[in-house]
């Protein structure tokens, strides 16, 4: 008998102070996507802005995390490629 896998959800939360350097510098989109696929994850909550009001994407309205050098949210939601 085939039984469906249980729901696998991740709540990927950021609470990263503006004093922490190197935010996301080791992020690897392919590795991130592979880990989600390997873990049979079917739902991910990603944060565009943390409780420090710092954004994890380029913005002209908010304040991007001062030590983030790329669009982390964009990389997290990008299609495999």
Protein backbone atom coordinates (compact mmCIF):
# COMPACT_ATOMS: atom_id res chain seq x y z
CA UNK A 1 0.00 0.00 0.00
CA UNK A 2 1.14 3.52 -0.73
CA UNK A 3 0.57 5.99 2.05
CA UNK A 4 0.94 9.71 1.40
CA UNK A 5 3.75 11.46 3.21
CA UNK A 6 2.63 13.68 6.06
CA UNK A 7 2.63 17.40 5.50
CA UNK A 8 6.15 18.83 5.84
CA UNK A 9 6.11 22.53 6.65
CA UNK A 10 8.99 24.88 7.47
CA UNK A 11 8.68 28.26 9.14
CA UNK A 12 12.00 29.87 8.18
CA UNK A 13 12.20 32.83 10.52
CA UNK A 14 14.82 35.57 10.69
CA UNK A 15 15.59 37.67 13.75
CA UNK A 16 18.93 39.01 12.63
CA UNK A 17 20.34 42.10 14.30
CA UNK A 18 21.78 44.82 12.12
CA UNK A 19 25.09 44.25 13.92
CA UNK A 20 25.52 40.72 12.54
CA UNK A 21 27.76 40.69 9.47
CA UNK A 22 27.87 38.26 6.56
CA UNK A 23 24.11 37.66 6.40
CA UNK A 24 23.43 34.98 3.81
CA UNK A 25 26.97 34.97 2.39
CA UNK A 26 27.02 31.17 2.36
CA UNK A 27 23.52 30.79 0.94
CA UNK A 28 23.39 28.37 -1.98
CA UNK A 29 20.13 28.31 -3.93
CA UNK A 30 20.70 24.85 -5.44
CA UNK A 31 21.61 23.40 -2.04
CA UNK A 32 18.59 25.07 -0.41
CA UNK A 33 16.26 23.69 -3.06
CA UNK A 34 17.81 20.23 -2.88
CA UNK A 35 17.37 20.14 0.91
CA UNK A 36 13.69 21.06 0.58
CA UNK A 37 13.17 18.40 -2.07
CA UNK A 38 15.10 15.74 -0.11
CA UNK A 39 13.04 16.56 2.97
CA UNK A 40 9.78 16.25 1.01
CA UNK A 41 8.84 19.76 2.16
CA UNK A 42 5.56 20.94 0.68
CA UNK A 43 5.18 24.30 2.40
CA UNK A 44 7.68 27.00 3.40
CA UNK A 45 7.01 30.31 5.12
CA UNK A 46 9.71 32.81 4.18
CA UNK A 47 10.15 36.25 5.64
CA UNK A 48 10.64 39.38 3.58
CA UNK A 49 11.13 41.52 6.69
CA UNK A 50 12.10 40.60 10.24
CA UNK A 51 10.92 41.96 13.58
CA UNK A 52 13.87 44.39 13.48
CA UNK A 53 12.11 45.89 10.40
CA UNK A 54 15.03 44.88 8.17
CA UNK A 55 14.24 43.60 4.68
CA UNK A 56 15.87 40.59 3.01
CA UNK A 57 15.33 41.90 -0.52
CA UNK A 58 16.18 45.13 -2.37
CA UNK A 59 13.76 47.93 -1.46
CA UNK A 60 13.38 51.66 -1.90
CA UNK A 61 10.73 51.89 0.81
CA UNK A 62 12.06 49.80 3.70
CA UNK A 63 15.57 49.21 4.98
CA UNK A 64 17.50 46.23 3.65
CA UNK A 65 19.65 44.47 6.24
CA UNK A 66 22.86 46.53 6.15
CA UNK A 67 25.10 43.47 5.76
CA UNK A 68 23.00 41.64 3.15
CA UNK A 69 24.69 41.94 -0.25
CA UNK A 70 22.06 40.23 -2.46
CA UNK A 71 18.34 39.51 -2.78
CA UNK A 72 18.04 36.64 -0.28
CA UNK A 73 14.25 36.39 -0.53
CA UNK A 74 14.47 36.37 -4.34
CA UNK A 75 17.02 33.55 -4.25
CA UNK A 76 14.85 31.54 -1.86
CA UNK A 77 11.79 31.74 -4.09
CA UNK A 78 13.56 31.44 -7.46
CA UNK A 79 12.61 28.53 -9.68
CA UNK A 80 15.21 25.78 -9.98
CA UNK A 81 17.50 26.48 -12.83
